[in-house]
Amino acid sequence: MSRASEEPIRIFIGVDETQRIPAKLFERSVRLCTDAPVIFDRMEEVTWPYPKDKKNFPGTNFSFHRFDIPKRAGYRGRALYVDADMLVLKDIRDLWNTRMNGAAALCASSSDPKKRRQLSVLLLDCAQLDWDVEKIITEGLDAGKYTYDELLYNLANEPAGRLRESLPPQWNSLDKLEPGKTNLIHYTDLEKQPWLSARHRFGWLWLEHLRDALREGVVTRAEVEEAQAKGWARPSLLRVLDIPRPLWRFYEKTISRRIDKGFVPHQELRGKIEEARKSSATGK
């Protein structure tokens, strides 16, 4: 099939304002690996009511965004959901063209036996999914039909059998990079994500993508500086990029960690969750 005759690959990214730079790097990584037409949707304007019970509070500001995808896609065709904290290393059309064999949604089994399955990469048949994000929260979570964990890890809003683990785990490799095998690396450790910490084992790969994106103008230094000023990126991020690549490992292990001392990742998210907990407790 020629590129001109291909239907666009529709990728919906779970992102908020704090992860716009990671989202840009994800999009760039996709385009580097494919010549297929791709349409990205970051869904930043999606809104939903906070669950009433604090046990159902979301883990991120965009956890529920994926449930708005079928509606945004017009309840037709395929759609791919991903988190922003990822990089693609292979042609995304290989994932996009996975046979669904009647399933409404496909996910991958966990690439790490110590971690449970994650629905952070989802291939959806939107024609089969009549999702409404507000109803999923108010008529599902708030009504006690399922919990947040059951929804986000098992797709409990759908009947059994509609979600299948048919995607290769290489398409959602959790904090692991195996050359020639990993198709998508997912920086899922919230305390060590490369834009927030110098301690991720494979943070160098993300830094290389950021360095190249800065050179190309995909990301600007002003954007990174703004993210640093707002606490969305670590203080050392630009400094490490200003030194030669062969020195990164030493710099990250020594100087970056000293510069970042006292920096607390995800302060804004922690604040929103705490605010929601207080509102839930007072009934406001």
C-alpha atoms as a PDB file:
ATOM      1  CA  MET A   1       0.000   0.000   0.000  1.00  0.00           C
ATOM      2  CA  SER A   2       1.424   3.405  -0.921  1.00  0.00           C
ATOM      3  CA  ARG A   3       1.661   6.186   1.634  1.00  0.00           C
ATOM      4  CA  ALA A   4      -0.826   8.301  -0.319  1.00  0.00           C
ATOM      5  CA  SER A   5      -3.505   5.604  -0.131  1.00  0.00           C
ATOM      6  CA  GLU A   6      -3.097   4.883   3.588  1.00  0.00           C
ATOM      7  CA  GLU A   7      -5.682   6.030   6.089  1.00  0.00           C
ATOM      8  CA  PRO A   8      -4.031   8.270   8.698  1.00  0.00           C
ATOM      9  CA  ILE A   9      -2.934   6.658  11.920  1.00  0.00           C
ATOM     10  CA  ARG A  10      -4.848   8.431  14.688  1.00  0.00           C
ATOM     11  CA  ILE A  11      -2.834   8.742  17.902  1.00  0.00           C
ATOM     12  CA  PHE A  12      -4.382  10.243  21.032  1.00  0.00           C
ATOM     13  CA  ILE A  13      -1.867  11.273  23.680  1.00  0.00           C
ATOM     14  CA  GLY A  14      -2.567  11.472  27.404  1.00  0.00           C
ATOM     15  CA  VAL A  15      -0.953  14.765  28.365  1.00  0.00           C
ATOM     16  CA  ASP A  16      -1.410  17.918  30.418  1.00  0.00           C
ATOM     17  CA  GLU A  17       0.486  21.212  30.381  1.00  0.00           C
ATOM     18  CA  THR A  18       3.271  19.759  32.531  1.00  0.00           C
ATOM     19  CA  GLN A  19       4.144  17.139  29.896  1.00  0.00           C
ATOM     20  CA  ARG A  20       3.951  19.096  26.652  1.00  0.00           C
ATOM     21  CA  ILE A  21       7.668  18.670  25.996  1.00  0.00           C
ATOM     22  CA  PRO A  22       7.566  14.857  26.468  1.00  0.00           C
ATOM     23  CA  ALA A  23       4.510  14.801  24.174  1.00  0.00           C
ATOM     24  CA  LYS A  24       6.420  16.704  21.475  1.00  0.00           C
ATOM     25  CA  LEU A  25       9.313  14.250  21.744  1.00  0.00           C
ATOM     26  CA  PHE A  26       6.918  11.317  21.486  1.00  0.00           C
ATOM     27  CA  GLU A  27       5.372  12.753  18.318  1.00  0.00           C
ATOM     28  CA  ARG A  28       8.819  13.378  16.862  1.00  0.00           C
ATOM     29  CA  SER A  29       9.913   9.816  17.641  1.00  0.00           C
ATOM     30  CA  VAL A  30       6.867   8.456  15.803  1.00  0.00           C
ATOM     31  CA  ARG A  31       7.584  10.544  12.716  1.00  0.00           C
ATOM     32  CA  LEU A  32      11.249   9.509  12.737  1.00  0.00           C
ATOM     33  CA  CYS A  33      10.255   5.855  12.437  1.00  0.00           C
ATOM     34  CA  THR A  34       7.449   5.927   9.878  1.00  0.00           C
ATOM     35  CA  ASP A  35       6.464   7.471   6.576  1.00  0.00           C
ATOM     36  CA  ALA A  36       2.801   6.698   7.223  1.00  0.00           C
ATOM     37  CA  PRO A  37       0.404   9.649   7.602  1.00  0.00           C
ATOM     38  CA  VAL A  38      -0.199  10.330  11.295  1.00  0.00           C
ATOM     39  CA  ILE A  39      -2.662  12.592  13.106  1.00  0.00           C
ATOM     40  CA  PHE A  40      -1.949  13.465  16.738  1.00  0.00           C
ATOM     41  CA  ASP A  41      -4.491  14.662  19.293  1.00  0.00           C
ATOM     42  CA  ARG A  42      -3.239  15.671  22.774  1.00  0.00           C
ATOM     43  CA  MET A  43      -6.780  16.044  24.155  1.00  0.00           C
ATOM     44  CA  GLU A  44      -5.734  18.807  26.559  1.00  0.00           C
ATOM     45  CA  GLU A  45      -9.188  20.414  26.515  1.00  0.00           C
ATOM     46  CA  VAL A  46     -10.965  17.251  27.727  1.00  0.00           C
ATOM     47  CA  THR A  47     -12.759  17.806  31.042  1.00  0.00           C
ATOM     48  CA  TRP A  48     -14.390  15.430  33.498  1.00  0.00           C
ATOM     49  CA  PRO A  49     -15.800  15.559  37.033  1.00  0.00           C
ATOM     50  CA  TYR A  50     -13.517  14.428  39.852  1.00  0.00           C
ATOM     51  CA  PRO A  51     -14.747  11.149  41.402  1.00  0.00           C
ATOM     52  CA  LYS A  52     -16.494  11.550  44.732  1.00  0.00           C
ATOM     53  CA  ASP A  53     -14.530   8.847  46.534  1.00  0.00           C
ATOM     54  CA  LYS A  54     -10.825   9.601  47.061  1.00  0.00           C
ATOM     55  CA  LYS A  55      -9.958   5.951  46.410  1.00  0.00           C
ATOM     56  CA  ASN A  56     -11.006   6.626  42.804  1.00  0.00           C
ATOM     57  CA  PHE A  57      -8.935   9.786  42.349  1.00  0.00           C
ATOM     58  CA  PRO A  58      -6.839   9.633  39.168  1.00  0.00           C
ATOM     59  CA  GLY A  59      -3.104   9.032  39.181  1.00  0.00           C
ATOM     60  CA  THR A  60      -2.527  11.818  36.632  1.00  0.00           C
ATOM     61  CA  ASN A  61      -4.334  14.890  35.315  1.00  0.00           C
ATOM     62  CA  PHE A  62      -5.138  12.976  32.128  1.00  0.00           C
ATOM     63  CA  SER A  63      -5.946   9.473  33.405  1.00  0.00           C
ATOM     64  CA  PHE A  64      -9.564   9.659  32.222  1.00  0.00           C
ATOM     65  CA  HIS A  65      -8.819  11.353  28.883  1.00  0.00           C
ATOM     66  CA  ARG A  66      -8.578   8.017  27.039  1.00  0.00           C
ATOM     67  CA  PHE A  67     -12.299   7.426  27.623  1.00  0.00           C
ATOM     68  CA  ASP A  68     -13.138  10.433  25.454  1.00  0.00           C
ATOM     69  CA  ILE A  69     -11.326   8.984  22.422  1.00  0.00           C
ATOM     70  CA  PRO A  70     -14.216   7.123  20.692  1.00  0.00           C
ATOM     71  CA  LYS A  71     -16.322  10.279  20.827  1.00  0.00           C
ATOM     72  CA  ARG A  72     -13.464  12.408  19.460  1.00  0.00           C
ATOM     73  CA  ALA A  73     -12.988   9.869  16.682  1.00  0.00           C
ATOM     74  CA  GLY A  74     -16.667  10.048  15.739  1.00  0.00           C
ATOM     75  CA  TYR A  75     -17.273   6.511  17.040  1.00  0.00           C
ATOM     76  CA  ARG A  76     -15.687   5.071  13.918  1.00  0.00           C
ATOM     77  CA  GLY A  77     -12.432   3.475  12.837  1.00  0.00           C
ATOM     78  CA  ARG A  78      -9.362   2.708  14.878  1.00  0.00           C
ATOM     79  CA  ALA A  79      -7.583   4.902  17.395  1.00  0.00           C
ATOM     80  CA  LEU A  80      -4.377   4.472  19.353  1.00  0.00           C
ATOM     81  CA  TYR A  81      -4.001   5.785  22.891  1.00  0.00           C
ATOM     82  CA  VAL A  82      -0.596   6.391  24.478  1.00  0.00           C
ATOM     83  CA  ASP A  83       0.798   8.261  27.468  1.00  0.00           C
ATOM     84  CA  ALA A  84       3.134  11.184  26.783  1.00  0.00           C
ATOM     85  CA  ASP A  85       6.081   9.714  28.695  1.00  0.00           C
ATOM     86  CA  MET A  86       7.166   7.416  25.867  1.00  0.00           C
ATOM     87  CA  LEU A  87       9.471   7.202  22.871  1.00  0.00           C
ATOM     88  CA  VAL A  88       8.809   5.073  19.784  1.00  0.00           C
ATOM     89  CA  LEU A  89      11.751   3.207  18.257  1.00  0.00           C
ATOM     90  CA  LYS A  90      10.028   1.239  15.448  1.00  0.00           C
ATOM     91  CA  ASP A  91       7.476   1.914  12.725  1.00  0.00           C
ATOM     92  CA  ILE A  92       4.165   2.625  14.492  1.00  0.00           C
ATOM     93  CA  ARG A  93       2.198   1.179  11.555  1.00  0.00           C
ATOM     94  CA  ASP A  94       3.246  -2.299  12.760  1.00  0.00           C
ATOM     95  CA  LEU A  95       1.295  -1.643  15.968  1.00  0.00           C
ATOM     96  CA  TRP A  96      -1.545   0.127  14.176  1.00  0.00           C
ATOM     97  CA  ASN A  97      -2.132  -2.810  11.823  1.00  0.00           C
ATOM     98  CA  THR A  98      -2.434  -5.431  14.583  1.00  0.00           C
ATOM     99  CA  ARG A  99      -5.458  -7.658  13.949  1.00  0.00           C
ATOM    100  CA  MET A 100      -8.214  -7.096  16.501  1.00  0.00           C
ATOM    101  CA  ASN A 101     -10.210 -10.239  15.659  1.00  0.00           C
ATOM    102  CA  GLY A 102     -13.448  -8.801  17.007  1.00  0.00           C
ATOM    103  CA  ALA A 103     -12.022  -7.288  20.208  1.00  0.00           C
ATOM    104  CA  ALA A 104     -13.047  -3.754  21.170  1.00  0.00           C
ATOM    105  CA  ALA A 105      -9.644  -2.905  22.653  1.00  0.00           C
ATOM    106  CA  LEU A 106      -6.151  -4.379  22.648  1.00  0.00           C
ATOM    107  CA  CYS A 107      -3.395  -3.896  25.188  1.00  0.00           C
ATOM    108  CA  ALA A 108      -0.053  -5.524  25.977  1.00  0.00           C
ATOM    109  CA  SER A 109       0.767  -7.791  28.868  1.00  0.00           C
ATOM    110  CA  SER A 110       3.218  -6.280  31.346  1.00  0.00           C
ATOM    111  CA  SER A 111       6.813  -6.275  30.139  1.00  0.00           C
ATOM    112  CA  ASP A 112       7.905  -6.438  33.787  1.00  0.00           C
ATOM    113  CA  PRO A 113       6.747  -9.458  35.852  1.00  0.00           C
ATOM    114  CA  LYS A 114       6.988  -7.285  38.970  1.00  0.00           C
ATOM    115  CA  LYS A 115       4.475  -4.786  37.599  1.00  0.00           C
ATOM    116  CA  ARG A 116       0.849  -5.256  36.682  1.00  0.00           C
ATOM    117  CA  ARG A 117      -0.532  -4.788  33.197  1.00  0.00           C
ATOM    118  CA  GLN A 118      -0.972  -1.180  32.124  1.00  0.00           C
ATOM    119  CA  LEU A 119      -3.464   0.245  29.667  1.00  0.00           C
ATOM    120  CA  SER A 120      -1.075   3.047  28.696  1.00  0.00           C
ATOM    121  CA  VAL A 121      -0.956   1.737  25.120  1.00  0.00           C
ATOM    122  CA  LEU A 122      -4.404   0.894  23.773  1.00  0.00           C
ATOM    123  CA  LEU A 123      -5.586   0.068  20.280  1.00  0.00           C
ATOM    124  CA  LEU A 124      -9.303   0.841  20.096  1.00  0.00           C
ATOM    125  CA  ASP A 125     -12.103  -0.057  17.706  1.00  0.00           C
ATOM    126  CA  CYS A 126     -14.111   3.122  18.215  1.00  0.00           C
ATOM    127  CA  ALA A 127     -17.198   1.768  16.448  1.00  0.00           C
ATOM    128  CA  GLN A 128     -17.597  -0.752  19.274  1.00  0.00           C
ATOM    129  CA  LEU A 129     -17.097   1.722  22.127  1.00  0.00           C
ATOM    130  CA  ASP A 130     -19.951   4.029  23.096  1.00  0.00           C
ATOM    131  CA  TRP A 131     -17.900   5.665  25.852  1.00  0.00           C
ATOM    132  CA  ASP A 132     -18.866   8.889  27.579  1.00  0.00           C
ATOM    133  CA  VAL A 133     -16.163   9.970  30.024  1.00  0.00           C
ATOM    134  CA  GLU A 134     -18.553  11.813  32.352  1.00  0.00           C
ATOM    135  CA  LYS A 135     -20.930   8.841  32.596  1.00  0.00           C
ATOM    136  CA  ILE A 136     -18.032   6.447  33.167  1.00  0.00           C
ATOM    137  CA  ILE A 137     -17.116   8.503  36.239  1.00  0.00           C
ATOM    138  CA  THR A 138     -20.529   9.474  37.600  1.00  0.00           C
ATOM    139  CA  GLU A 139     -22.516   6.352  36.672  1.00  0.00           C
ATOM    140  CA  GLY A 140     -19.631   3.918  37.008  1.00  0.00           C
ATOM    141  CA  LEU A 141     -17.060   4.969  39.604  1.00  0.00           C
ATOM    142  CA  ASP A 142     -19.372   7.100  41.761  1.00  0.00           C
ATOM    143  CA  ALA A 143     -22.110   4.450  41.594  1.00  0.00           C
ATOM    144  CA  GLY A 144     -19.702   1.780  42.842  1.00  0.00           C
ATOM    145  CA  LYS A 145     -19.862  -0.388  39.714  1.00  0.00           C
ATOM    146  CA  TYR A 146     -16.071  -0.548  39.618  1.00  0.00           C
ATOM    147  CA  THR A 147     -13.033   1.099  41.197  1.00  0.00           C
ATOM    148  CA  TYR A 148     -10.389   3.307  39.630  1.00  0.00           C
ATOM    149  CA  ASP A 149      -7.906   0.436  39.543  1.00  0.00           C
ATOM    150  CA  GLU A 150     -10.448  -1.887  37.927  1.00  0.00           C
ATOM    151  CA  LEU A 151     -11.208   0.769  35.323  1.00  0.00           C
ATOM    152  CA  LEU A 152      -7.632   1.814  34.525  1.00  0.00           C
ATOM    153  CA  TYR A 153      -6.047  -1.646  34.639  1.00  0.00           C
ATOM    154  CA  ASN A 154      -8.875  -3.938  33.512  1.00  0.00           C
ATOM    155  CA  LEU A 155     -11.226  -1.694  31.505  1.00  0.00           C
ATOM    156  CA  ALA A 156     -14.027  -2.662  33.861  1.00  0.00           C
ATOM    157  CA  ASN A 157     -16.530  -0.425  32.065  1.00  0.00           C
ATOM    158  CA  GLU A 158     -16.556  -3.033  29.290  1.00  0.00           C
ATOM    159  CA  PRO A 159     -17.909  -6.619  29.475  1.00  0.00           C
ATOM    160  CA  ALA A 160     -15.382  -9.390  29.998  1.00  0.00           C
ATOM    161  CA  GLY A 161     -13.586 -10.437  26.841  1.00  0.00           C
ATOM    162  CA  ARG A 162     -13.804  -7.090  25.082  1.00  0.00           C
ATOM    163  CA  LEU A 163     -10.240  -6.225  26.143  1.00  0.00           C
ATOM    164  CA  ARG A 164      -7.510  -8.594  24.979  1.00  0.00           C
ATOM    165  CA  GLU A 165      -3.764  -8.738  25.629  1.00  0.00           C
ATOM    166  CA  SER A 166      -2.841  -9.112  21.971  1.00  0.00           C
ATOM    167  CA  LEU A 167      -0.217  -6.370  21.638  1.00  0.00           C
ATOM    168  CA  PRO A 168       3.409  -7.481  22.023  1.00  0.00           C
ATOM    169  CA  PRO A 169       4.904  -6.212  25.306  1.00  0.00           C
ATOM    170  CA  GLN A 170       7.716  -4.676  23.248  1.00  0.00           C
ATOM    171  CA  TRP A 171       5.194  -1.961  22.400  1.00  0.00           C
ATOM    172  CA  ASN A 172       4.982  -0.910  26.057  1.00  0.00           C
ATOM    173  CA  SER A 173       8.393  -1.626  27.540  1.00  0.00           C
ATOM    174  CA  LEU A 174       8.290  -0.339  31.102  1.00  0.00           C
ATOM    175  CA  ASP A 175      11.513   1.535  31.941  1.00  0.00           C
ATOM    176  CA  LYS A 176      13.550  -0.973  29.942  1.00  0.00           C
ATOM    177  CA  LEU A 177      15.512  -0.751  26.717  1.00  0.00           C
ATOM    178  CA  GLU A 178      16.650  -3.836  24.818  1.00  0.00           C
ATOM    179  CA  PRO A 179      18.403  -2.884  21.559  1.00  0.00           C
ATOM    180  CA  GLY A 180      16.756  -4.488  18.549  1.00  0.00           C
ATOM    181  CA  LYS A 181      13.793  -5.643  20.621  1.00  0.00           C
ATOM    182  CA  THR A 182      12.174  -2.643  22.318  1.00  0.00           C
ATOM    183  CA  ASN A 183       9.654  -0.929  20.043  1.00  0.00           C
ATOM    184  CA  LEU A 184       8.456   1.642  22.562  1.00  0.00           C
ATOM    185  CA  ILE A 185      10.059   2.639  25.851  1.00  0.00           C
ATOM    186  CA  HIS A 186       7.715   3.888  28.558  1.00  0.00           C
ATOM    187  CA  TYR A 187       9.251   6.044  31.294  1.00  0.00           C
ATOM    188  CA  THR A 188       6.707   4.982  33.860  1.00  0.00           C
ATOM    189  CA  ASP A 189       8.720   5.524  37.079  1.00  0.00           C
ATOM    190  CA  LEU A 190       7.313   8.913  38.083  1.00  0.00           C
ATOM    191  CA  GLU A 191      10.246   9.726  40.358  1.00  0.00           C
ATOM    192  CA  LYS A 192      12.870   9.025  37.671  1.00  0.00           C
ATOM    193  CA  GLN A 193      11.405  10.345  34.433  1.00  0.00           C
ATOM    194  CA  PRO A 194      14.345  11.886  32.529  1.00  0.00           C
ATOM    195  CA  TRP A 195      12.968  15.435  32.436  1.00  0.00           C
ATOM    196  CA  LEU A 196      12.478  15.238  36.211  1.00  0.00           C
ATOM    197  CA  SER A 197      15.451  13.184  37.370  1.00  0.00           C
ATOM    198  CA  ALA A 198      19.054  12.344  36.414  1.00  0.00           C
ATOM    199  CA  ARG A 199      18.651   8.843  37.838  1.00  0.00           C
ATOM    200  CA  HIS A 200      16.851   6.901  35.105  1.00  0.00           C
ATOM    201  CA  ARG A 201      19.015   4.161  33.633  1.00  0.00           C
ATOM    202  CA  PHE A 202      17.881   4.954  30.101  1.00  0.00           C
ATOM    203  CA  GLY A 203      17.380   8.675  30.534  1.00  0.00           C
ATOM    204  CA  TRP A 204      20.214   9.314  28.079  1.00  0.00           C
ATOM    205  CA  LEU A 205      17.967   8.208  25.199  1.00  0.00           C
ATOM    206  CA  TRP A 206      15.324  10.789  26.093  1.00  0.00           C
ATOM    207  CA  LEU A 207      18.037  13.425  26.462  1.00  0.00           C
ATOM    208  CA  GLU A 208      19.344  12.610  22.985  1.00  0.00           C
ATOM    209  CA  HIS A 209      15.862  13.110  21.567  1.00  0.00           C
ATOM    210  CA  LEU A 210      15.517  16.418  23.414  1.00  0.00           C
ATOM    211  CA  ARG A 211      18.946  17.591  22.214  1.00  0.00           C
ATOM    212  CA  ASP A 212      18.021  16.823  18.598  1.00  0.00           C
ATOM    213  CA  ALA A 213      14.553  18.362  18.986  1.00  0.00           C
ATOM    214  CA  LEU A 214      16.172  21.584  20.220  1.00  0.00           C
ATOM    215  CA  ARG A 215      18.495  21.622  17.226  1.00  0.00           C
ATOM    216  CA  GLU A 216      15.553  21.126  14.861  1.00  0.00           C
ATOM    217  CA  GLY A 217      13.320  23.690  16.566  1.00  0.00           C
ATOM    218  CA  VAL A 218      10.700  21.090  17.512  1.00  0.00           C
ATOM    219  CA  VAL A 219      11.260  22.226  21.102  1.00  0.00           C
ATOM    220  CA  THR A 220      12.746  25.617  22.023  1.00  0.00           C
ATOM    221  CA  ARG A 221      15.050  26.532  24.903  1.00  0.00           C
ATOM    222  CA  ALA A 222      12.389  28.995  26.003  1.00  0.00           C
ATOM    223  CA  GLU A 223       9.920  26.134  26.394  1.00  0.00           C
ATOM    224  CA  VAL A 224      12.375  24.157  28.509  1.00  0.00           C
ATOM    225  CA  GLU A 225      13.207  27.233  30.599  1.00  0.00           C
ATOM    226  CA  GLU A 226       9.497  27.826  31.195  1.00  0.00           C
ATOM    227  CA  ALA A 227       9.041  24.189  32.235  1.00  0.00           C
ATOM    228  CA  GLN A 228      11.952  24.525  34.655  1.00  0.00           C
ATOM    229  CA  ALA A 229      10.567  27.755  36.106  1.00  0.00           C
ATOM    230  CA  LYS A 230       7.190  26.102  36.703  1.00  0.00           C
ATOM    231  CA  GLY A 231       8.668  22.955  38.242  1.00  0.00           C
ATOM    232  CA  TRP A 232       7.766  20.733  35.287  1.00  0.00           C
ATOM    233  CA  ALA A 233      11.421  19.986  34.468  1.00  0.00           C
ATOM    234  CA  ARG A 234      14.485  19.549  36.657  1.00  0.00           C
ATOM    235  CA  PRO A 235      16.895  22.465  37.139  1.00  0.00           C
ATOM    236  CA  SER A 236      19.809  20.573  35.537  1.00  0.00           C
ATOM    237  CA  LEU A 237      18.046  19.670  32.283  1.00  0.00           C
ATOM    238  CA  LEU A 238      19.444  22.362  29.999  1.00  0.00           C
ATOM    239  CA  ARG A 239      22.858  22.355  31.637  1.00  0.00           C
ATOM    240  CA  VAL A 240      23.534  18.710  30.824  1.00  0.00           C
ATOM    241  CA  LEU A 241      22.567  19.330  27.195  1.00  0.00           C
ATOM    242  CA  ASP A 242      25.156  22.103  26.975  1.00  0.00           C
ATOM    243  CA  ILE A 243      28.076  19.738  27.574  1.00  0.00           C
ATOM    244  CA  PRO A 244      29.507  17.135  25.133  1.00  0.00           C
ATOM    245  CA  ARG A 245      27.569  13.862  24.872  1.00  0.00           C
ATOM    246  CA  PRO A 246      30.486  11.668  26.114  1.00  0.00           C
ATOM    247  CA  LEU A 247      30.407  13.519  29.440  1.00  0.00           C
ATOM    248  CA  TRP A 248      26.690  13.073  30.120  1.00  0.00           C
ATOM    249  CA  ARG A 249      26.978   9.953  32.228  1.00  0.00           C
ATOM    250  CA  PHE A 250      29.518  11.468  34.605  1.00  0.00           C
ATOM    251  CA  TYR A 251      27.685  14.807  34.709  1.00  0.00           C
ATOM    252  CA  GLU A 252      24.324  13.193  35.474  1.00  0.00           C
ATOM    253  CA  LYS A 253      25.734  11.050  38.276  1.00  0.00           C
ATOM    254  CA  THR A 254      27.517  13.943  39.967  1.00  0.00           C
ATOM    255  CA  ILE A 255      26.731  17.526  39.027  1.00  0.00           C
ATOM    256  CA  SER A 256      23.106  17.093  37.883  1.00  0.00           C
ATOM    257  CA  ARG A 257      22.164  15.345  41.098  1.00  0.00           C
ATOM    258  CA  ARG A 258      23.677  18.157  43.152  1.00  0.00           C
ATOM    259  CA  ILE A 259      21.884  20.808  41.071  1.00  0.00           C
ATOM    260  CA  ASP A 260      18.566  18.965  41.426  1.00  0.00           C
ATOM    261  CA  LYS A 261      18.853  18.429  45.166  1.00  0.00           C
ATOM    262  CA  GLY A 262      15.579  19.498  46.757  1.00  0.00           C
ATOM    263  CA  PHE A 263      13.626  19.379  43.491  1.00  0.00           C
ATOM    264  CA  VAL A 264      10.337  17.501  43.985  1.00  0.00           C
ATOM    265  CA  PRO A 265       8.742  15.991  40.852  1.00  0.00           C
ATOM    266  CA  HIS A 266       5.026  16.331  40.102  1.00  0.00           C
ATOM    267  CA  GLN A 267       4.323  18.968  42.758  1.00  0.00           C
ATOM    268  CA  GLU A 268       1.375  20.329  40.796  1.00  0.00           C
ATOM    269  CA  LEU A 269      -0.272  16.908  40.473  1.00  0.00           C
ATOM    270  CA  ARG A 270       0.255  16.215  44.171  1.00  0.00           C
ATOM    271  CA  GLY A 271      -1.379  19.562  44.949  1.00  0.00           C
ATOM    272  CA  LYS A 272      -4.408  18.890  42.765  1.00  0.00           C
ATOM    273  CA  ILE A 273      -4.948  15.478  44.321  1.00  0.00           C
ATOM    274  CA  GLU A 274      -4.665  16.959  47.808  1.00  0.00           C
ATOM    275  CA  GLU A 275      -7.122  19.727  46.899  1.00  0.00           C
ATOM    276  CA  ALA A 276      -9.576  17.147  45.555  1.00  0.00           C
ATOM    277  CA  ARG A 277      -9.233  15.096  48.731  1.00  0.00           C
ATOM    278  CA  LYS A 278     -10.048  18.142  50.863  1.00  0.00           C
ATOM    279  CA  SER A 279     -13.058  18.996  48.684  1.00  0.00           C
ATOM    280  CA  SER A 280     -14.276  15.398  48.912  1.00  0.00           C
ATOM    281  CA  ALA A 281     -13.908  15.414  52.709  1.00  0.00           C
ATOM    282  CA  THR A 282     -15.892  18.657  53.127  1.00  0.00           C
ATOM    283  CA  GLY A 283     -18.480  17.746  50.508  1.00  0.00           C
ATOM    284  CA  LYS A 284     -17.783  20.874  48.458  1.00  0.00           C
END
